[in-house]
Amino acid sequence: MKTDFYTKVGNYYDQEALEFDGRYWRNPVLQKIRQAFRDEVKRQDYNSMLEIGCGTGLDLVHFANIHPEVFVHGIDISNEMVGVTRRKIEKLNLTNVEVHQAAVEDLPTLYSGKKFDLIYVFFGALNTVDSLQENAEILTQMLSPKGTMVLSFVNKWYLGGIVLETVRFRFRRAFARIKPIWGGYSPIKYLPSKCYTPKQVNSAFHSVHLKNKFGFSILHPAWYFTRINKKISRFSRVLWKIDERLSRWHLWRFGEYTLFTFEHSKSAP
């Protein structure tokens, strides 16, 4: 789907493509979060997978490698990101994975009549869609009758970030997520995007059953607080463990990321 909105999102990530992997591998907090996302996916049952916003294919290639019997599909709005992913697939000679430059709205045409057992979104790709409600309906339609969705979102109510940025007198950044349009992580490059509360996510995916939920970086500083994370690196493991406990309570809803596992209603055939 080629719209001005998706063109802007695609252009933003085109510029990020070459630096994306390097930034990830230099950031241990990002690595911990990604592993936690992957672990939640691996708890599910599936024979077919679809990733929304696959970026440079870090997870697409990972799942294709560990599940040679499963065909893994991926889409991304960025032409450059898709190019990087395809080069990885070719280099590793993977035959059970494919990637397309596409938006969620393109899925019914791209995969006409096909259903997926597992649909996943890591690091908030659905924060950059034109309509969360419309995308939720499409993804639900693409899900097999006993399928599961594991979806992450950049959270509107990240209280730790508000406090840390306020203490540093960065008031605009402290409250940027609460605005109708967020603008992305970068202080110098604008990304058309929105942050969502857990209530908004649940409302958009009202036709499926909420199986599980988690919050990340509740007490542990978010991945982009690089200097703070370096200073507290010796305490990082302890803070991460505390976050895991806090995520069992209502405090999960105040993390930097929220992760939801949805499945079709148990009454579905």
Protein backbone atom coordinates (compact mmCIF):
# COMPACT_ATOMS: atom_id res chain seq x y z
CA MET A 1 0.00 0.00 0.00
CA LYS A 2 1.68 3.20 -1.21
CA THR A 3 0.45 6.24 0.70
CA ASP A 4 2.18 9.44 1.79
CA PHE A 5 2.13 8.12 5.37
CA TYR A 6 3.84 4.84 4.54
CA THR A 7 6.25 6.58 2.18
CA LYS A 8 7.45 8.72 5.10
CA VAL A 9 7.76 5.68 7.38
CA GLY A 10 9.59 3.73 4.68
CA ASN A 11 12.00 6.60 4.00
CA TYR A 12 12.81 6.86 7.72
CA TYR A 13 13.72 3.19 7.96
CA ASP A 14 15.56 3.24 4.63
CA GLN A 15 18.01 5.60 6.31
CA GLU A 16 18.28 3.31 9.35
CA ALA A 17 18.91 0.07 7.45
CA LEU A 18 22.72 0.06 7.27
CA GLU A 19 23.22 1.04 10.92
CA PHE A 20 20.39 -1.04 12.36
CA ASP A 21 22.24 -4.29 13.10
CA GLY A 22 25.34 -2.58 14.44
CA ARG A 23 23.31 -0.51 16.88
CA TYR A 24 21.55 -3.64 18.08
CA TRP A 25 24.70 -5.70 18.63
CA ARG A 26 26.28 -2.87 20.62
CA ASN A 27 23.31 -2.64 22.97
CA PRO A 28 22.94 -5.42 25.60
CA VAL A 29 19.55 -4.11 26.78
CA LEU A 30 18.11 -4.41 23.27
CA GLN A 31 19.51 -7.93 23.10
CA LYS A 32 17.80 -8.91 26.36
CA ILE A 33 14.48 -7.52 25.20
CA ARG A 34 14.68 -9.27 21.83
CA GLN A 35 15.49 -12.58 23.52
CA ALA A 36 12.48 -12.17 25.82
CA PHE A 37 10.27 -11.51 22.78
CA ARG A 38 11.67 -14.60 21.05
CA ASP A 39 11.13 -16.74 24.13
CA GLU A 40 7.44 -15.82 24.18
CA VAL A 41 7.12 -16.83 20.51
CA LYS A 42 8.83 -20.17 21.19
CA ARG A 43 6.24 -21.01 23.87
CA GLN A 44 3.55 -21.14 21.17
CA ASP A 45 2.61 -23.91 18.72
CA TYR A 46 2.96 -23.16 15.01
CA ASN A 47 3.70 -24.59 11.59
CA SER A 48 3.66 -21.27 9.73
CA MET A 49 4.89 -17.84 10.80
CA LEU A 50 4.47 -14.25 9.66
CA GLU A 51 6.52 -11.33 10.94
CA ILE A 52 5.22 -7.78 10.58
CA GLY A 53 7.99 -5.18 10.35
CA CYS A 54 10.84 -7.64 9.96
CA GLY A 55 13.47 -4.92 9.56
CA THR A 56 16.87 -6.39 8.66
CA GLY A 57 15.64 -9.92 9.22
CA LEU A 58 17.29 -10.63 12.56
CA ASP A 59 14.30 -12.61 13.81
CA LEU A 60 13.12 -13.85 10.44
CA VAL A 61 16.47 -15.56 9.85
CA HIS A 62 16.67 -16.73 13.46
CA PHE A 63 13.34 -18.57 13.35
CA ALA A 64 14.01 -19.96 9.86
CA ASN A 65 17.30 -21.40 11.16
CA ILE A 66 15.91 -23.05 14.28
CA HIS A 67 12.71 -24.26 12.57
CA PRO A 68 13.77 -25.67 9.17
CA GLU A 69 10.41 -27.46 8.97
CA VAL A 70 8.48 -24.16 9.31
CA PHE A 71 8.08 -21.64 6.47
CA VAL A 72 8.67 -18.12 7.78
CA HIS A 73 7.18 -15.11 6.00
CA GLY A 74 8.01 -11.46 6.62
CA ILE A 75 6.98 -8.01 5.44
CA ASP A 76 8.47 -4.58 5.97
CA ILE A 77 7.57 -1.15 4.63
CA SER A 78 11.21 -0.22 3.99
CA ASN A 79 12.79 -1.20 0.68
CA GLU A 80 16.30 -0.98 2.15
CA MET A 81 15.42 -3.16 5.15
CA VAL A 82 13.94 -5.78 2.83
CA GLY A 83 17.11 -5.64 0.72
CA VAL A 84 19.32 -6.32 3.75
CA THR A 85 17.08 -9.23 4.77
CA ARG A 86 17.16 -10.81 1.32
CA ARG A 87 20.96 -10.66 1.27
CA LYS A 88 21.07 -12.49 4.61
CA ILE A 89 18.68 -15.16 3.33
CA GLU A 90 20.80 -15.68 0.20
CA LYS A 91 24.05 -15.77 2.17
CA LEU A 92 22.69 -18.48 4.49
CA ASN A 93 21.01 -20.40 1.65
CA LEU A 94 17.72 -20.50 3.54
CA THR A 95 14.86 -22.01 1.56
CA ASN A 96 12.10 -21.78 4.17
CA VAL A 97 11.83 -18.00 4.41
CA GLU A 98 10.64 -15.16 2.19
CA VAL A 99 10.26 -11.42 2.63
CA HIS A 100 8.23 -8.76 0.82
CA GLN A 101 8.09 -4.99 0.88
CA ALA A 102 4.51 -4.46 1.99
CA ALA A 103 2.17 -2.99 4.57
CA VAL A 104 -0.33 -4.93 6.69
CA GLU A 105 -3.09 -3.63 4.40
CA ASP A 106 -1.45 -5.55 1.53
CA LEU A 107 -1.63 -8.93 3.29
CA PRO A 108 -5.09 -10.08 2.04
CA THR A 109 -3.87 -9.65 -1.54
CA LEU A 110 -0.29 -10.81 -0.99
CA TYR A 111 -1.40 -13.97 0.84
CA SER A 112 -4.87 -14.51 -0.58
CA GLY A 113 -6.58 -17.42 1.18
CA LYS A 114 -3.57 -18.17 3.42
CA LYS A 115 -3.72 -18.32 7.23
CA PHE A 116 -0.83 -18.23 9.70
CA ASP A 117 -0.45 -20.13 12.96
CA LEU A 118 1.82 -17.47 14.45
CA ILE A 119 1.94 -13.74 13.67
CA TYR A 120 4.49 -11.69 15.58
CA VAL A 121 5.60 -8.07 15.83
CA PHE A 122 8.78 -7.12 17.67
CA PHE A 123 9.76 -3.58 18.70
CA GLY A 124 6.53 -1.83 17.85
CA ALA A 125 6.06 -2.00 14.09
CA LEU A 126 2.33 -1.45 14.67
CA ASN A 127 3.14 1.94 16.20
CA THR A 128 3.83 3.14 12.66
CA VAL A 129 0.63 2.05 10.91
CA ASP A 130 -2.05 4.33 9.59
CA SER A 131 -4.88 2.73 11.59
CA LEU A 132 -4.31 0.28 14.46
CA GLN A 133 -7.97 -0.78 14.39
CA GLU A 134 -7.88 -1.61 10.67
CA ASN A 135 -4.55 -3.44 11.03
CA ALA A 136 -5.89 -5.45 13.98
CA GLU A 137 -8.85 -6.61 11.91
CA ILE A 138 -6.62 -7.65 9.01
CA LEU A 139 -4.16 -9.54 11.23
CA THR A 140 -7.02 -11.34 12.95
CA GLN A 141 -8.38 -12.38 9.55
CA MET A 142 -4.92 -13.72 8.58
CA LEU A 143 -4.71 -15.85 11.74
CA SER A 144 -5.54 -19.57 11.59
CA PRO A 145 -8.47 -20.77 13.78
CA LYS A 146 -6.10 -21.91 16.54
CA GLY A 147 -3.43 -19.32 15.81
CA THR A 148 -1.57 -16.94 18.09
CA MET A 149 -0.30 -13.37 17.80
CA VAL A 150 2.68 -12.11 19.81
CA LEU A 151 2.66 -8.33 19.48
CA SER A 152 4.88 -5.67 21.03
CA PHE A 153 4.10 -1.96 21.27
CA VAL A 154 5.93 1.18 22.28
CA ASN A 155 3.93 2.09 25.35
CA LYS A 156 2.31 5.48 25.90
CA TRP A 157 2.50 5.17 29.71
CA TYR A 158 6.24 4.63 30.16
CA LEU A 159 6.53 6.23 33.59
CA GLY A 160 10.24 5.48 34.01
CA GLY A 161 11.03 7.44 30.85
CA ILE A 162 8.89 10.37 31.94
CA VAL A 163 10.71 10.53 35.29
CA LEU A 164 14.22 10.14 33.84
CA GLU A 165 13.70 12.75 31.12
CA THR A 166 12.05 15.17 33.55
CA VAL A 167 14.97 14.90 35.97
CA ARG A 168 17.25 15.77 33.05
CA PHE A 169 14.98 18.78 32.22
CA ARG A 170 14.11 17.31 28.83
CA PHE A 171 10.43 18.04 29.18
CA ARG A 172 9.54 17.76 25.51
CA ARG A 173 10.97 14.24 25.32
CA ALA A 174 9.52 13.33 28.71
CA PHE A 175 5.95 13.81 27.51
CA ALA A 176 6.34 13.16 23.77
CA ARG A 177 4.62 9.76 23.97
CA ILE A 178 1.47 11.20 25.46
CA LYS A 179 0.84 13.38 22.41
CA PRO A 180 -1.46 12.09 19.63
CA ILE A 181 1.60 11.82 17.35
CA TRP A 182 4.80 10.60 18.97
CA GLY A 183 7.54 11.21 16.40
CA GLY A 184 9.86 8.29 17.17
CA TYR A 185 12.98 7.82 19.28
CA SER A 186 15.34 10.06 17.34
CA PRO A 187 15.64 13.68 18.54
CA ILE A 188 16.68 14.79 15.04
CA LYS A 189 14.65 12.60 12.64
CA TYR A 190 10.87 12.55 12.60
CA LEU A 191 9.02 9.22 12.37
CA PRO A 192 5.23 9.30 11.85
CA SER A 193 4.12 7.13 14.76
CA LYS A 194 1.80 6.80 17.74
CA CYS A 195 2.19 5.25 21.17
CA TYR A 196 -0.62 3.13 22.57
CA THR A 197 -1.87 2.36 26.05
CA PRO A 198 -2.66 -1.27 26.96
CA LYS A 199 -6.34 -0.32 26.92
CA GLN A 200 -6.09 0.95 23.34
CA VAL A 201 -4.31 -2.22 22.22
CA ASN A 202 -6.90 -4.46 23.87
CA SER A 203 -9.68 -2.43 22.31
CA ALA A 204 -8.20 -2.76 18.82
CA PHE A 205 -7.78 -6.55 19.23
CA HIS A 206 -11.12 -7.05 20.97
CA SER A 207 -12.13 -10.00 18.77
CA VAL A 208 -9.29 -12.22 20.02
CA HIS A 209 -8.55 -13.59 23.47
CA LEU A 210 -5.75 -12.10 25.60
CA LYS A 211 -3.59 -15.04 26.65
CA ASN A 212 -0.60 -13.25 28.20
CA LYS A 213 0.91 -9.81 28.76
CA PHE A 214 4.27 -8.39 29.82
CA GLY A 215 5.98 -5.07 30.41
CA PHE A 216 9.65 -4.35 29.67
CA SER A 217 11.92 -1.70 31.18
CA ILE A 218 9.55 -0.96 34.02
CA LEU A 219 12.34 -0.22 36.51
CA HIS A 220 15.30 -1.11 34.31
CA PRO A 221 16.16 1.92 32.09
CA ALA A 222 15.12 1.58 28.45
CA TRP A 223 17.63 0.59 25.78
CA TYR A 224 18.10 4.15 24.53
CA PHE A 225 19.32 5.44 27.92
CA THR A 226 22.80 4.35 26.87
CA ARG A 227 24.89 6.31 29.39
CA ILE A 228 22.70 5.37 32.33
CA ASN A 229 22.79 1.70 31.36
CA LYS A 230 26.58 1.76 31.15
CA LYS A 231 26.81 3.26 34.63
CA ILE A 232 24.48 0.71 36.18
CA SER A 233 25.69 -2.27 34.14
CA ARG A 234 26.69 -4.21 37.27
CA PHE A 235 23.10 -3.92 38.53
CA SER A 236 21.44 -4.62 35.17
CA ARG A 237 20.78 -8.29 35.85
CA VAL A 238 19.15 -7.53 39.21
CA LEU A 239 16.96 -4.78 37.72
CA TRP A 240 15.93 -7.10 34.91
CA LYS A 241 14.86 -9.75 37.42
CA ILE A 242 12.89 -7.14 39.36
CA ASP A 243 11.16 -6.12 36.14
CA GLU A 244 10.15 -9.75 35.53
CA ARG A 245 8.46 -9.81 38.94
CA LEU A 246 6.84 -6.39 38.50
CA SER A 247 5.44 -7.57 35.17
CA ARG A 248 3.25 -10.09 37.04
CA TRP A 249 1.37 -7.19 38.67
CA HIS A 250 -0.44 -4.16 37.31
CA LEU A 251 2.92 -2.39 36.96
CA TRP A 252 3.52 -4.23 33.66
CA ARG A 253 1.42 -1.56 31.97
CA PHE A 254 4.01 1.13 32.76
CA GLY A 255 6.97 -0.42 30.91
CA GLU A 256 8.72 1.05 27.90
CA TYR A 257 7.41 -1.81 25.79
CA THR A 258 4.29 -3.90 26.28
CA LEU A 259 3.99 -7.38 24.82
CA PHE A 260 0.65 -9.10 24.25
CA THR A 261 -0.10 -12.69 23.30
CA PHE A 262 -3.51 -13.05 21.67
CA GLU A 263 -5.27 -16.18 20.47
CA HIS A 264 -8.60 -16.91 18.89
CA SER A 265 -11.39 -17.36 21.41
CA LYS A 266 -11.50 -20.85 22.92
CA SER A 267 -15.01 -21.17 21.57
CA ALA A 268 -13.73 -20.82 18.01
CA PRO A 269 -13.90 -24.01 15.88
